[in-house]
């Protein structure tokens, strides 16, 4: 459980959510998300939505969306977490995951967020 994981947590509607959990969650999301207010996501209050742009590994804009930093231990998994709340199209969600994977985050296994919650 020392690695950082990501997966689509909600899709199929107008809004899709990419959930990230692990020690590098906020750092990985910060590498692909630029807040419009210019302040780093890591400095945002826990559980506060921040508006900005999601970019791919080449810096091309994928979507304008929200991100939220969730500081441990007050999270679902008990670990540091972050979420991207973007448009729910498959293309946007896949591109967002690919951008995170380029930052060293790996695909979560089925039930892994819940397993981490139980173990923590």
PDB file of N, CA and C in Angstrom:
ATOM      1  N   UNK A   1       0.815  -1.189   0.000  1.00  0.00           N
ATOM      2  CA  UNK A   1       0.000   0.000   0.000  1.00  0.00           C
ATOM      3  C   UNK A   1       0.867   1.264   0.000  1.00  0.00           C
ATOM      4  N   UNK A   2       2.089   1.154  -0.488  1.00  0.00           N
ATOM      5  CA  UNK A   2       2.958   2.322  -0.531  1.00  0.00           C
ATOM      6  C   UNK A   2       2.838   3.098  -1.826  1.00  0.00           C
ATOM      7  N   UNK A   3       2.089   2.569  -2.768  1.00  0.00           N
ATOM      8  CA  UNK A   3       1.966   3.240  -4.055  1.00  0.00           C
ATOM      9  C   UNK A   3       0.699   4.085  -4.107  1.00  0.00           C
ATOM     10  N   UNK A   4       0.608   4.880  -5.167  1.00  0.00           N
ATOM     11  CA  UNK A   4      -0.551   5.744  -5.358  1.00  0.00           C
ATOM     12  C   UNK A   4      -1.388   5.164  -6.487  1.00  0.00           C
ATOM     13  N   UNK A   5      -2.689   5.088  -6.253  1.00  0.00           N
ATOM     14  CA  UNK A   5      -3.600   4.446  -7.198  1.00  0.00           C
ATOM     15  C   UNK A   5      -4.645   5.437  -7.694  1.00  0.00           C
ATOM     16  N   UNK A   6      -5.221   5.126  -8.849  1.00  0.00           N
ATOM     17  CA  UNK A   6      -6.289   5.962  -9.408  1.00  0.00           C
ATOM     18  C   UNK A   6      -7.277   5.091 -10.162  1.00  0.00           C
ATOM     19  N   UNK A   7      -8.513   5.575 -10.221  1.00  0.00           N
ATOM     20  CA  UNK A   7      -9.558   4.893 -10.987  1.00  0.00           C
ATOM     21  C   UNK A   7     -10.714   5.861 -11.202  1.00  0.00           C
ATOM     22  N   UNK A   8     -11.509   5.554 -12.194  1.00  0.00           N
ATOM     23  CA  UNK A   8     -12.736   6.310 -12.407  1.00  0.00           C
ATOM     24  C   UNK A   8     -13.714   5.871 -11.332  1.00  0.00           C
ATOM     25  N   UNK A   9     -14.209   6.831 -10.559  1.00  0.00           N
ATOM     26  CA  UNK A   9     -15.133   6.529  -9.468  1.00  0.00           C
ATOM     27  C   UNK A   9     -16.582   6.767  -9.876  1.00  0.00           C
ATOM     28  N   UNK A  10     -16.799   7.578 -10.894  1.00  0.00           N
ATOM     29  CA  UNK A  10     -18.158   7.840 -11.384  1.00  0.00           C
ATOM     30  C   UNK A  10     -18.058   8.228 -12.853  1.00  0.00           C
ATOM     31  N   UNK A  11     -18.938   7.655 -13.647  1.00  0.00           N
ATOM     32  CA  UNK A  11     -18.977   7.985 -15.077  1.00  0.00           C
ATOM     33  C   UNK A  11     -20.376   7.712 -15.598  1.00  0.00           C
ATOM     34  N   UNK A  12     -20.565   8.007 -16.862  1.00  0.00           N
ATOM     35  CA  UNK A  12     -21.846   7.717 -17.483  1.00  0.00           C
ATOM     36  C   UNK A  12     -22.842   8.852 -17.395  1.00  0.00           C
ATOM     37  N   UNK A  13     -22.499   9.903 -16.713  1.00  0.00           N
ATOM     38  CA  UNK A  13     -23.379  11.058 -16.592  1.00  0.00           C
ATOM     39  C   UNK A  13     -22.650  12.301 -17.061  1.00  0.00           C
ATOM     40  N   UNK A  14     -23.202  13.440 -16.756  1.00  0.00           N
ATOM     41  CA  UNK A  14     -22.549  14.679 -17.197  1.00  0.00           C
ATOM     42  C   UNK A  14     -21.235  14.957 -16.457  1.00  0.00           C
ATOM     43  N   UNK A  15     -21.085  14.413 -15.251  1.00  0.00           N
ATOM     44  CA  UNK A  15     -19.869  14.604 -14.465  1.00  0.00           C
ATOM     45  C   UNK A  15     -19.218  13.253 -14.220  1.00  0.00           C
ATOM     46  N   UNK A  16     -17.909  13.201 -14.385  1.00  0.00           N
ATOM     47  CA  UNK A  16     -17.129  12.005 -14.085  1.00  0.00           C
ATOM     48  C   UNK A  16     -16.130  12.331 -12.994  1.00  0.00           C
ATOM     49  N   UNK A  17     -15.798  11.350 -12.192  1.00  0.00           N
ATOM     50  CA  UNK A  17     -14.862  11.561 -11.090  1.00  0.00           C
ATOM     51  C   UNK A  17     -13.714  10.573 -11.214  1.00  0.00           C
ATOM     52  N   UNK A  18     -12.502  11.109 -11.149  1.00  0.00           N
ATOM     53  CA  UNK A  18     -11.299  10.281 -11.072  1.00  0.00           C
ATOM     54  C   UNK A  18     -10.794  10.401  -9.648  1.00  0.00           C
ATOM     55  N   UNK A  19     -10.706   9.284  -8.963  1.00  0.00           N
ATOM     56  CA  UNK A  19     -10.269   9.264  -7.561  1.00  0.00           C
ATOM     57  C   UNK A  19      -8.822   8.782  -7.498  1.00  0.00           C
ATOM     58  N   UNK A  20      -8.018   9.424  -6.655  1.00  0.00           N
ATOM     59  CA  UNK A  20      -6.608   9.085  -6.493  1.00  0.00           C
ATOM     60  C   UNK A  20      -6.337   8.941  -4.998  1.00  0.00           C
ATOM     61  N   UNK A  21      -5.611   7.902  -4.606  1.00  0.00           N
ATOM     62  CA  UNK A  21      -5.315   7.675  -3.189  1.00  0.00           C
ATOM     63  C   UNK A  21      -3.888   7.192  -3.030  1.00  0.00           C
ATOM     64  N   UNK A  22      -3.229   7.711  -2.005  1.00  0.00           N
ATOM     65  CA  UNK A  22      -1.848   7.331  -1.701  1.00  0.00           C
ATOM     66  C   UNK A  22      -1.037   8.560  -1.368  1.00  0.00           C
ATOM     67  N   UNK A  23       0.169   8.346  -0.910  1.00  0.00           N
ATOM     68  CA  UNK A  23       1.006   9.444  -0.443  1.00  0.00           C
ATOM     69  C   UNK A  23       1.253  10.507  -1.501  1.00  0.00           C
ATOM     70  N   UNK A  24       1.308  10.128  -2.765  1.00  0.00           N
ATOM     71  CA  UNK A  24       1.602  11.082  -3.842  1.00  0.00           C
ATOM     72  C   UNK A  24       0.350  11.574  -4.562  1.00  0.00           C
ATOM     73  N   UNK A  25      -0.830  11.347  -3.990  1.00  0.00           N
ATOM     74  CA  UNK A  25      -2.083  11.691  -4.671  1.00  0.00           C
ATOM     75  C   UNK A  25      -2.175  13.163  -5.031  1.00  0.00           C
ATOM     76  N   UNK A  26      -1.956  14.041  -4.074  1.00  0.00           N
ATOM     77  CA  UNK A  26      -2.085  15.478  -4.340  1.00  0.00           C
ATOM     78  C   UNK A  26      -0.985  15.940  -5.285  1.00  0.00           C
ATOM     79  N   UNK A  27       0.224  15.433  -5.128  1.00  0.00           N
ATOM     80  CA  UNK A  27       1.316  15.795  -6.020  1.00  0.00           C
ATOM     81  C   UNK A  27       1.068  15.365  -7.451  1.00  0.00           C
ATOM     82  N   UNK A  28       0.537  14.159  -7.637  1.00  0.00           N
ATOM     83  CA  UNK A  28       0.255  13.663  -8.986  1.00  0.00           C
ATOM     84  C   UNK A  28      -0.842  14.487  -9.649  1.00  0.00           C
ATOM     85  N   UNK A  29      -1.901  14.775  -8.897  1.00  0.00           N
ATOM     86  CA  UNK A  29      -2.978  15.592  -9.454  1.00  0.00           C
ATOM     87  C   UNK A  29      -2.461  17.001  -9.741  1.00  0.00           C
ATOM     88  N   UNK A  30      -1.639  17.531  -8.866  1.00  0.00           N
ATOM     89  CA  UNK A  30      -1.084  18.873  -9.082  1.00  0.00           C
ATOM     90  C   UNK A  30      -0.243  18.944 -10.351  1.00  0.00           C
ATOM     91  N   UNK A  31       0.378  17.836 -10.742  1.00  0.00           N
ATOM     92  CA  UNK A  31       1.207  17.814 -11.950  1.00  0.00           C
ATOM     93  C   UNK A  31       0.378  17.905 -13.228  1.00  0.00           C
ATOM     94  N   UNK A  32      -0.907  17.546 -13.145  1.00  0.00           N
ATOM     95  CA  UNK A  32      -1.758  17.546 -14.349  1.00  0.00           C
ATOM     96  C   UNK A  32      -2.929  18.525 -14.249  1.00  0.00           C
ATOM     97  N   UNK A  33      -3.038  19.221 -13.127  1.00  0.00           N
ATOM     98  CA  UNK A  33      -4.143  20.145 -12.891  1.00  0.00           C
ATOM     99  C   UNK A  33      -3.584  21.513 -12.505  1.00  0.00           C
ATOM    100  N   UNK A  34      -4.031  22.553 -13.196  1.00  0.00           N
ATOM    101  CA  UNK A  34      -3.589  23.917 -12.914  1.00  0.00           C
ATOM    102  C   UNK A  34      -4.764  24.745 -12.412  1.00  0.00           C
ATOM    103  N   UNK A  35      -4.780  25.122 -11.128  1.00  0.00           N
ATOM    104  CA  UNK A  35      -5.865  25.949 -10.610  1.00  0.00           C
ATOM    105  C   UNK A  35      -5.891  27.318 -11.283  1.00  0.00           C
ATOM    106  N   UNK A  36      -7.080  27.808 -11.572  1.00  0.00           N
ATOM    107  CA  UNK A  36      -7.238  29.131 -12.180  1.00  0.00           C
ATOM    108  C   UNK A  36      -6.838  30.246 -11.219  1.00  0.00           C
ATOM    109  N   UNK A  37      -6.926  29.992  -9.908  1.00  0.00           N
ATOM    110  CA  UNK A  37      -6.584  31.038  -8.940  1.00  0.00           C
ATOM    111  C   UNK A  37      -5.080  31.173  -8.726  1.00  0.00           C
ATOM    112  N   UNK A  38      -4.285  30.304  -9.343  1.00  0.00           N
ATOM    113  CA  UNK A  38      -2.838  30.392  -9.257  1.00  0.00           C
ATOM    114  C   UNK A  38      -2.218  29.792  -8.015  1.00  0.00           C
ATOM    115  N   UNK A  39      -3.024  29.412  -7.052  1.00  0.00           N
ATOM    116  CA  UNK A  39      -2.509  28.792  -5.826  1.00  0.00           C
ATOM    117  C   UNK A  39      -2.353  27.290  -6.030  1.00  0.00           C
ATOM    118  N   UNK A  40      -1.289  26.697  -5.498  1.00  0.00           N
ATOM    119  CA  UNK A  40      -1.117  25.248  -5.628  1.00  0.00           C
ATOM    120  C   UNK A  40      -2.264  24.478  -4.972  1.00  0.00           C
ATOM    121  N   UNK A  41      -2.640  23.372  -5.579  1.00  0.00           N
ATOM    122  CA  UNK A  41      -3.703  22.528  -5.020  1.00  0.00           C
ATOM    123  C   UNK A  41      -3.323  22.059  -3.612  1.00  0.00           C
ATOM    124  N   UNK A  42      -2.057  21.802  -3.375  1.00  0.00           N
ATOM    125  CA  UNK A  42      -1.610  21.327  -2.061  1.00  0.00           C
ATOM    126  C   UNK A  42      -1.901  22.340  -0.957  1.00  0.00           C
ATOM    127  N   UNK A  43      -2.039  23.617  -1.317  1.00  0.00           N
ATOM    128  CA  UNK A  43      -2.326  24.643  -0.321  1.00  0.00           C
ATOM    129  C   UNK A  43      -3.822  24.875  -0.117  1.00  0.00           C
ATOM    130  N   UNK A  44      -4.651  24.236  -0.931  1.00  0.00           N
ATOM    131  CA  UNK A  44      -6.100  24.390  -0.786  1.00  0.00           C
ATOM    132  C   UNK A  44      -6.569  23.689   0.484  1.00  0.00           C
ATOM    133  N   UNK A  45      -7.593  24.229   1.077  1.00  0.00           N
ATOM    134  CA  UNK A  45      -8.184  23.585   2.253  1.00  0.00           C
ATOM    135  C   UNK A  45      -8.713  22.214   1.868  1.00  0.00           C
ATOM    136  N   UNK A  46      -8.602  21.277   2.796  1.00  0.00           N
ATOM    137  CA  UNK A  46      -9.110  19.935   2.546  1.00  0.00           C
ATOM    138  C   UNK A  46     -10.600  19.999   2.226  1.00  0.00           C
ATOM    139  N   UNK A  47     -11.009  19.269   1.239  1.00  0.00           N
ATOM    140  CA  UNK A  47     -12.399  19.119   0.818  1.00  0.00           C
ATOM    141  C   UNK A  47     -12.971  20.376   0.165  1.00  0.00           C
ATOM    142  N   UNK A  48     -12.108  21.272  -0.325  1.00  0.00           N
ATOM    143  CA  UNK A  48     -12.566  22.478  -1.007  1.00  0.00           C
ATOM    144  C   UNK A  48     -12.342  22.321  -2.510  1.00  0.00           C
ATOM    145  N   UNK A  49     -13.412  22.472  -3.294  1.00  0.00           N
ATOM    146  CA  UNK A  49     -13.282  22.381  -4.743  1.00  0.00           C
ATOM    147  C   UNK A  49     -12.485  23.556  -5.283  1.00  0.00           C
ATOM    148  N   UNK A  50     -11.599  23.252  -6.214  1.00  0.00           N
ATOM    149  CA  UNK A  50     -10.771  24.265  -6.865  1.00  0.00           C
ATOM    150  C   UNK A  50     -10.978  24.124  -8.370  1.00  0.00           C
ATOM    151  N   UNK A  51     -11.276  25.235  -9.041  1.00  0.00           N
ATOM    152  CA  UNK A  51     -11.518  25.226 -10.491  1.00  0.00           C
ATOM    153  C   UNK A  51     -10.203  25.416 -11.239  1.00  0.00           C
ATOM    154  N   UNK A  52     -10.048  24.692 -12.350  1.00  0.00           N
ATOM    155  CA  UNK A  52      -8.843  24.832 -13.151  1.00  0.00           C
ATOM    156  C   UNK A  52      -8.886  23.997 -14.406  1.00  0.00           C
ATOM    157  N   UNK A  53      -7.704  23.713 -14.962  1.00  0.00           N
ATOM    158  CA  UNK A  53      -7.618  22.926 -16.195  1.00  0.00           C
ATOM    159  C   UNK A  53      -6.829  21.652 -15.962  1.00  0.00           C
ATOM    160  N   UNK A  54      -7.294  20.602 -16.603  1.00  0.00           N
ATOM    161  CA  UNK A  54      -6.651  19.298 -16.593  1.00  0.00           C
ATOM    162  C   UNK A  54      -5.891  19.160 -17.897  1.00  0.00           C
ATOM    163  N   UNK A  55      -4.608  18.807 -17.816  1.00  0.00           N
ATOM    164  CA  UNK A  55      -3.794  18.687 -19.016  1.00  0.00           C
ATOM    165  C   UNK A  55      -3.198  17.289 -19.143  1.00  0.00           C
ATOM    166  N   UNK A  56      -2.854  16.930 -20.389  1.00  0.00           N
ATOM    167  CA  UNK A  56      -2.204  15.638 -20.610  1.00  0.00           C
ATOM    168  C   UNK A  56      -0.703  15.771 -20.364  1.00  0.00           C
ATOM    169  N   UNK A  57       0.044  14.682 -20.592  1.00  0.00           N
ATOM    170  CA  UNK A  57       1.478  14.696 -20.290  1.00  0.00           C
ATOM    171  C   UNK A  57       2.265  15.659 -21.167  1.00  0.00           C
ATOM    172  N   UNK A  58       1.674  16.102 -22.288  1.00  0.00           N
ATOM    173  CA  UNK A  58       2.324  17.081 -23.162  1.00  0.00           C
ATOM    174  C   UNK A  58       1.913  18.512 -22.850  1.00  0.00           C
ATOM    175  N   UNK A  59       1.006  18.690 -21.889  1.00  0.00           N
ATOM    176  CA  UNK A  59       0.548  20.020 -21.518  1.00  0.00           C
ATOM    177  C   UNK A  59      -0.665  20.503 -22.283  1.00  0.00           C
ATOM    178  N   UNK A  60      -1.241  19.642 -23.119  1.00  0.00           N
ATOM    179  CA  UNK A  60      -2.456  20.002 -23.861  1.00  0.00           C
ATOM    180  C   UNK A  60      -3.666  19.913 -22.937  1.00  0.00           C
ATOM    181  N   UNK A  61      -4.558  20.881 -23.024  1.00  0.00           N
ATOM    182  CA  UNK A  61      -5.738  20.907 -22.155  1.00  0.00           C
ATOM    183  C   UNK A  61      -6.692  19.771 -22.523  1.00  0.00           C
ATOM    184  N   UNK A  62      -7.061  19.005 -21.532  1.00  0.00           N
ATOM    185  CA  UNK A  62      -8.050  17.933 -21.687  1.00  0.00           C
ATOM    186  C   UNK A  62      -9.436  18.470 -21.372  1.00  0.00           C
ATOM    187  N   UNK A  63      -9.538  19.224 -20.259  1.00  0.00           N
ATOM    188  CA  UNK A  63     -10.849  19.674 -19.791  1.00  0.00           C
ATOM    189  C   UNK A  63     -10.681  20.800 -18.772  1.00  0.00           C
ATOM    190  N   UNK A  64     -11.689  21.617 -18.644  1.00  0.00           N
ATOM    191  CA  UNK A  64     -11.803  22.555 -17.531  1.00  0.00           C
ATOM    192  C   UNK A  64     -12.646  21.834 -16.486  1.00  0.00           C
ATOM    193  N   UNK A  65     -12.136  21.738 -15.272  1.00  0.00           N
ATOM    194  CA  UNK A  65     -12.804  20.899 -14.277  1.00  0.00           C
ATOM    195  C   UNK A  65     -12.479  21.387 -12.868  1.00  0.00           C
ATOM    196  N   UNK A  66     -12.882  20.603 -11.906  1.00  0.00           N
ATOM    197  CA  UNK A  66     -12.599  20.874 -10.500  1.00  0.00           C
ATOM    198  C   UNK A  66     -11.681  19.788  -9.955  1.00  0.00           C
ATOM    199  N   UNK A  67     -10.874  20.155  -8.980  1.00  0.00           N
ATOM    200  CA  UNK A  67     -10.077  19.192  -8.227  1.00  0.00           C
ATOM    201  C   UNK A  67     -10.295  19.464  -6.755  1.00  0.00           C
ATOM    202  N   UNK A  68     -10.084  18.450  -5.965  1.00  0.00           N
ATOM    203  CA  UNK A  68     -10.211  18.601  -4.512  1.00  0.00           C
ATOM    204  C   UNK A  68      -9.100  17.784  -3.852  1.00  0.00           C
ATOM    205  N   UNK A  69      -8.427  18.401  -2.891  1.00  0.00           N
ATOM    206  CA  UNK A  69      -7.416  17.719  -2.092  1.00  0.00           C
ATOM    207  C   UNK A  69      -8.086  17.237  -0.808  1.00  0.00           C
ATOM    208  N   UNK A  70      -7.791  16.017  -0.438  1.00  0.00           N
ATOM    209  CA  UNK A  70      -8.374  15.421   0.767  1.00  0.00           C
ATOM    210  C   UNK A  70      -7.226  14.925   1.637  1.00  0.00           C
ATOM    211  N   UNK A  71      -7.034  15.560   2.771  1.00  0.00           N
ATOM    212  CA  UNK A  71      -5.872  15.275   3.603  1.00  0.00           C
ATOM    213  C   UNK A  71      -6.152  14.153   4.599  1.00  0.00           C
ATOM    214  N   UNK A  72      -5.208  13.222   4.690  1.00  0.00           N
ATOM    215  CA  UNK A  72      -5.293  12.108   5.630  1.00  0.00           C
ATOM    216  C   UNK A  72      -5.265  12.662   7.055  1.00  0.00           C
ATOM    217  N   UNK A  73      -5.859  12.002   7.995  1.00  0.00           N
ATOM    218  CA  UNK A  73      -6.528  10.709   7.898  1.00  0.00           C
ATOM    219  C   UNK A  73      -8.035  10.816   7.669  1.00  0.00           C
ATOM    220  N   UNK A  74      -8.532  12.006   7.413  1.00  0.00           N
ATOM    221  CA  UNK A  74      -9.978  12.206   7.293  1.00  0.00           C
ATOM    222  C   UNK A  74     -10.452  12.013   5.854  1.00  0.00           C
ATOM    223  N   UNK A  75     -10.181  10.825   5.320  1.00  0.00           N
ATOM    224  CA  UNK A  75     -10.590  10.477   3.959  1.00  0.00           C
ATOM    225  C   UNK A  75     -11.190   9.082   3.965  1.00  0.00           C
ATOM    226  N   UNK A  76     -11.774   8.698   2.851  1.00  0.00           N
ATOM    227  CA  UNK A  76     -12.388   7.368   2.761  1.00  0.00           C
ATOM    228  C   UNK A  76     -11.375   6.266   3.019  1.00  0.00           C
ATOM    229  N   UNK A  77     -10.192   6.371   2.420  1.00  0.00           N
ATOM    230  CA  UNK A  77      -9.190   5.317   2.571  1.00  0.00           C
ATOM    231  C   UNK A  77      -8.314   5.512   3.805  1.00  0.00           C
ATOM    232  N   UNK A  78      -8.377   6.689   4.422  1.00  0.00           N
ATOM    233  CA  UNK A  78      -7.489   6.994   5.529  1.00  0.00           C
ATOM    234  C   UNK A  78      -6.149   7.530   5.052  1.00  0.00           C
ATOM    235  N   UNK A  79      -5.944   7.549   3.741  1.00  0.00           N
ATOM    236  CA  UNK A  79      -4.716   8.053   3.128  1.00  0.00           C
ATOM    237  C   UNK A  79      -4.981   9.429   2.529  1.00  0.00           C
ATOM    238  N   UNK A  80      -3.917  10.114   2.130  1.00  0.00           N
ATOM    239  CA  UNK A  80      -4.069  11.336   1.363  1.00  0.00           C
ATOM    240  C   UNK A  80      -4.754  10.981   0.052  1.00  0.00           C
ATOM    241  N   UNK A  81      -5.734  11.795  -0.337  1.00  0.00           N
ATOM    242  CA  UNK A  81      -6.472  11.539  -1.572  1.00  0.00           C
ATOM    243  C   UNK A  81      -6.655  12.836  -2.344  1.00  0.00           C
ATOM    244  N   UNK A  82      -7.019  12.697  -3.608  1.00  0.00           N
ATOM    245  CA  UNK A  82      -7.417  13.822  -4.436  1.00  0.00           C
ATOM    246  C   UNK A  82      -8.431  13.298  -5.433  1.00  0.00           C
ATOM    247  N   UNK A  83      -9.288  14.183  -5.893  1.00  0.00           N
ATOM    248  CA  UNK A  83     -10.262  13.816  -6.928  1.00  0.00           C
ATOM    249  C   UNK A  83     -10.286  14.889  -7.998  1.00  0.00           C
ATOM    250  N   UNK A  84     -10.513  14.438  -9.211  1.00  0.00           N
ATOM    251  CA  UNK A  84     -10.781  15.325 -10.341  1.00  0.00           C
ATOM    252  C   UNK A  84     -12.229  15.136 -10.711  1.00  0.00           C
ATOM    253  N   UNK A  85     -12.996  16.205 -10.748  1.00  0.00           N
ATOM    254  CA  UNK A  85     -14.402  16.149 -11.121  1.00  0.00           C
ATOM    255  C   UNK A  85     -14.534  16.879 -12.445  1.00  0.00           C
ATOM    256  N   UNK A  86     -14.631  16.094 -13.516  1.00  0.00           N
ATOM    257  CA  UNK A  86     -14.589  16.653 -14.861  1.00  0.00           C
ATOM    258  C   UNK A  86     -15.801  16.187 -15.669  1.00  0.00           C
ATOM    259  N   UNK A  87     -15.815  16.570 -16.942  1.00  0.00           N
ATOM    260  CA  UNK A  87     -16.902  16.118 -17.802  1.00  0.00           C
ATOM    261  C   UNK A  87     -16.855  14.590 -17.886  1.00  0.00           C
ATOM    262  N   UNK A  88     -18.006  13.967 -17.954  1.00  0.00           N
ATOM    263  CA  UNK A  88     -18.109  12.529 -17.801  1.00  0.00           C
ATOM    264  C   UNK A  88     -17.886  11.696 -19.044  1.00  0.00           C
ATOM    265  N   UNK A  89     -17.385  12.262 -20.116  1.00  0.00           N
ATOM    266  CA  UNK A  89     -17.173  11.462 -21.331  1.00  0.00           C
ATOM    267  C   UNK A  89     -16.031  10.471 -21.118  1.00  0.00           C
ATOM    268  N   UNK A  90     -16.125   9.355 -21.783  1.00  0.00           N
ATOM    269  CA  UNK A  90     -15.088   8.331 -21.698  1.00  0.00           C
ATOM    270  C   UNK A  90     -13.748   8.884 -22.152  1.00  0.00           C
ATOM    271  N   UNK A  91     -13.740   9.698 -23.191  1.00  0.00           N
ATOM    272  CA  UNK A  91     -12.488  10.263 -23.710  1.00  0.00           C
ATOM    273  C   UNK A  91     -11.793  11.130 -22.665  1.00  0.00           C
ATOM    274  N   UNK A  92     -12.542  11.974 -21.977  1.00  0.00           N
ATOM    275  CA  UNK A  92     -11.964  12.853 -20.961  1.00  0.00           C
ATOM    276  C   UNK A  92     -11.438  12.033 -19.788  1.00  0.00           C
ATOM    277  N   UNK A  93     -12.215  11.089 -19.316  1.00  0.00           N
ATOM    278  CA  UNK A  93     -11.803  10.278 -18.167  1.00  0.00           C
ATOM    279  C   UNK A  93     -10.572   9.430 -18.486  1.00  0.00           C
ATOM    280  N   UNK A  94     -10.531   8.841 -19.660  1.00  0.00           N
ATOM    281  CA  UNK A  94      -9.366   8.033 -20.060  1.00  0.00           C
ATOM    282  C   UNK A  94      -8.127   8.902 -20.207  1.00  0.00           C
ATOM    283  N   UNK A  95      -8.275  10.080 -20.801  1.00  0.00           N
ATOM    284  CA  UNK A  95      -7.140  10.988 -20.955  1.00  0.00           C
ATOM    285  C   UNK A  95      -6.641  11.465 -19.589  1.00  0.00           C
ATOM    286  N   UNK A  96      -7.561  11.717 -18.670  1.00  0.00           N
ATOM    287  CA  UNK A  96      -7.180  12.118 -17.315  1.00  0.00           C
ATOM    288  C   UNK A  96      -6.408  11.016 -16.603  1.00  0.00           C
ATOM    289  N   UNK A  97      -6.892   9.785 -16.715  1.00  0.00           N
ATOM    290  CA  UNK A  97      -6.171   8.660 -16.114  1.00  0.00           C
ATOM    291  C   UNK A  97      -4.797   8.498 -16.741  1.00  0.00           C
ATOM    292  N   UNK A  98      -4.701   8.584 -18.067  1.00  0.00           N
ATOM    293  CA  UNK A  98      -3.410   8.461 -18.740  1.00  0.00           C
ATOM    294  C   UNK A  98      -2.424   9.518 -18.255  1.00  0.00           C
ATOM    295  N   UNK A  99      -2.902  10.739 -18.045  1.00  0.00           N
ATOM    296  CA  UNK A  99      -2.040  11.807 -17.543  1.00  0.00           C
ATOM    297  C   UNK A  99      -1.517  11.457 -16.143  1.00  0.00           C
ATOM    298  N   UNK A 100      -2.377  10.887 -15.304  1.00  0.00           N
ATOM    299  CA  UNK A 100      -1.954  10.472 -13.968  1.00  0.00           C
ATOM    300  C   UNK A 100      -0.990   9.297 -14.023  1.00  0.00           C
ATOM    301  N   UNK A 101      -1.244   8.354 -14.924  1.00  0.00           N
ATOM    302  CA  UNK A 101      -0.344   7.203 -15.060  1.00  0.00           C
ATOM    303  C   UNK A 101       1.046   7.661 -15.477  1.00  0.00           C
ATOM    304  N   UNK A 102       1.125   8.715 -16.278  1.00  0.00           N
ATOM    305  CA  UNK A 102       2.420   9.270 -16.692  1.00  0.00           C
ATOM    306  C   UNK A 102       3.173   9.871 -15.498  1.00  0.00           C
ATOM    307  N   UNK A 103       2.464  10.139 -14.407  1.00  0.00           N
ATOM    308  CA  UNK A 103       3.070  10.680 -13.184  1.00  0.00           C
ATOM    309  C   UNK A 103       3.460   9.577 -12.195  1.00  0.00           C
ATOM    310  N   UNK A 104       3.317   8.320 -12.603  1.00  0.00           N
ATOM    311  CA  UNK A 104       3.698   7.204 -11.745  1.00  0.00           C
ATOM    312  C   UNK A 104       2.569   6.602 -10.935  1.00  0.00           C
ATOM    313  N   UNK A 105       1.371   7.117 -11.120  1.00  0.00           N
ATOM    314  CA  UNK A 105       0.198   6.548 -10.453  1.00  0.00           C
ATOM    315  C   UNK A 105      -0.191   5.277 -11.213  1.00  0.00           C
ATOM    316  N   UNK A 106      -0.685   4.290 -10.508  1.00  0.00           N
ATOM    317  CA  UNK A 106      -1.113   3.066 -11.203  1.00  0.00           C
ATOM    318  C   UNK A 106      -2.622   2.890 -11.105  1.00  0.00           C
ATOM    319  N   UNK A 107      -3.155   2.078 -12.011  1.00  0.00           N
ATOM    320  CA  UNK A 107      -4.583   1.754 -12.026  1.00  0.00           C
ATOM    321  C   UNK A 107      -4.942   0.975 -10.767  1.00  0.00           C
ATOM    322  N   UNK A 108      -5.970   1.404 -10.081  1.00  0.00           N
ATOM    323  CA  UNK A 108      -6.439   0.685  -8.897  1.00  0.00           C
ATOM    324  C   UNK A 108      -7.061  -0.638  -9.307  1.00  0.00           C
ATOM    325  N   UNK A 109      -6.849  -1.638  -8.502  1.00  0.00           N
ATOM    326  CA  UNK A 109      -7.508  -2.927  -8.712  1.00  0.00           C
ATOM    327  C   UNK A 109      -8.952  -2.824  -8.240  1.00  0.00           C
ATOM    328  N   UNK A 110      -9.777  -3.732  -8.692  1.00  0.00           N
ATOM    329  CA  UNK A 110     -11.177  -3.749  -8.262  1.00  0.00           C
ATOM    330  C   UNK A 110     -11.242  -3.884  -6.743  1.00  0.00           C
ATOM    331  N   UNK A 111     -11.952  -2.981  -6.091  1.00  0.00           N
ATOM    332  CA  UNK A 111     -12.126  -3.020  -4.643  1.00  0.00           C
ATOM    333  C   UNK A 111     -10.948  -2.517  -3.838  1.00  0.00           C
ATOM    334  N   UNK A 112      -9.932  -1.977  -4.498  1.00  0.00           N
ATOM    335  CA  UNK A 112      -8.721  -1.588  -3.769  1.00  0.00           C
ATOM    336  C   UNK A 112      -8.927  -0.380  -2.858  1.00  0.00           C
ATOM    337  N   UNK A 113      -9.758   0.580  -3.257  1.00  0.00           N
ATOM    338  CA  UNK A 113     -10.029   1.718  -2.375  1.00  0.00           C
ATOM    339  C   UNK A 113     -10.687   1.232  -1.087  1.00  0.00           C
ATOM    340  N   UNK A 114     -11.629   0.327  -1.198  1.00  0.00           N
ATOM    341  CA  UNK A 114     -12.311  -0.211  -0.024  1.00  0.00           C
ATOM    342  C   UNK A 114     -11.371  -1.063   0.822  1.00  0.00           C
ATOM    343  N   UNK A 115     -10.495  -1.835   0.187  1.00  0.00           N
ATOM    344  CA  UNK A 115      -9.514  -2.627   0.934  1.00  0.00           C
ATOM    345  C   UNK A 115      -8.595  -1.706   1.750  1.00  0.00           C
ATOM    346  N   UNK A 116      -8.156  -0.616   1.137  1.00  0.00           N
ATOM    347  CA  UNK A 116      -7.303   0.324   1.857  1.00  0.00           C
ATOM    348  C   UNK A 116      -8.076   0.970   3.013  1.00  0.00           C
ATOM    349  N   UNK A 117      -9.337   1.281   2.792  1.00  0.00           N
ATOM    350  CA  UNK A 117     -10.159   1.856   3.856  1.00  0.00           C
ATOM    351  C   UNK A 117     -10.254   0.885   5.037  1.00  0.00           C
ATOM    352  N   UNK A 118     -10.479  -0.388   4.746  1.00  0.00           N
ATOM    353  CA  UNK A 118     -10.614  -1.398   5.789  1.00  0.00           C
ATOM    354  C   UNK A 118      -9.304  -1.564   6.549  1.00  0.00           C
ATOM    355  N   UNK A 119      -8.197  -1.649   5.822  1.00  0.00           N
ATOM    356  CA  UNK A 119      -6.909  -1.870   6.459  1.00  0.00           C
ATOM    357  C   UNK A 119      -6.427  -0.659   7.253  1.00  0.00           C
ATOM    358  N   UNK A 120      -6.831   0.511   6.836  1.00  0.00           N
ATOM    359  CA  UNK A 120      -6.419   1.710   7.578  1.00  0.00           C
ATOM    360  C   UNK A 120      -7.380   2.006   8.712  1.00  0.00           C
TER     361      UNK A 120
END
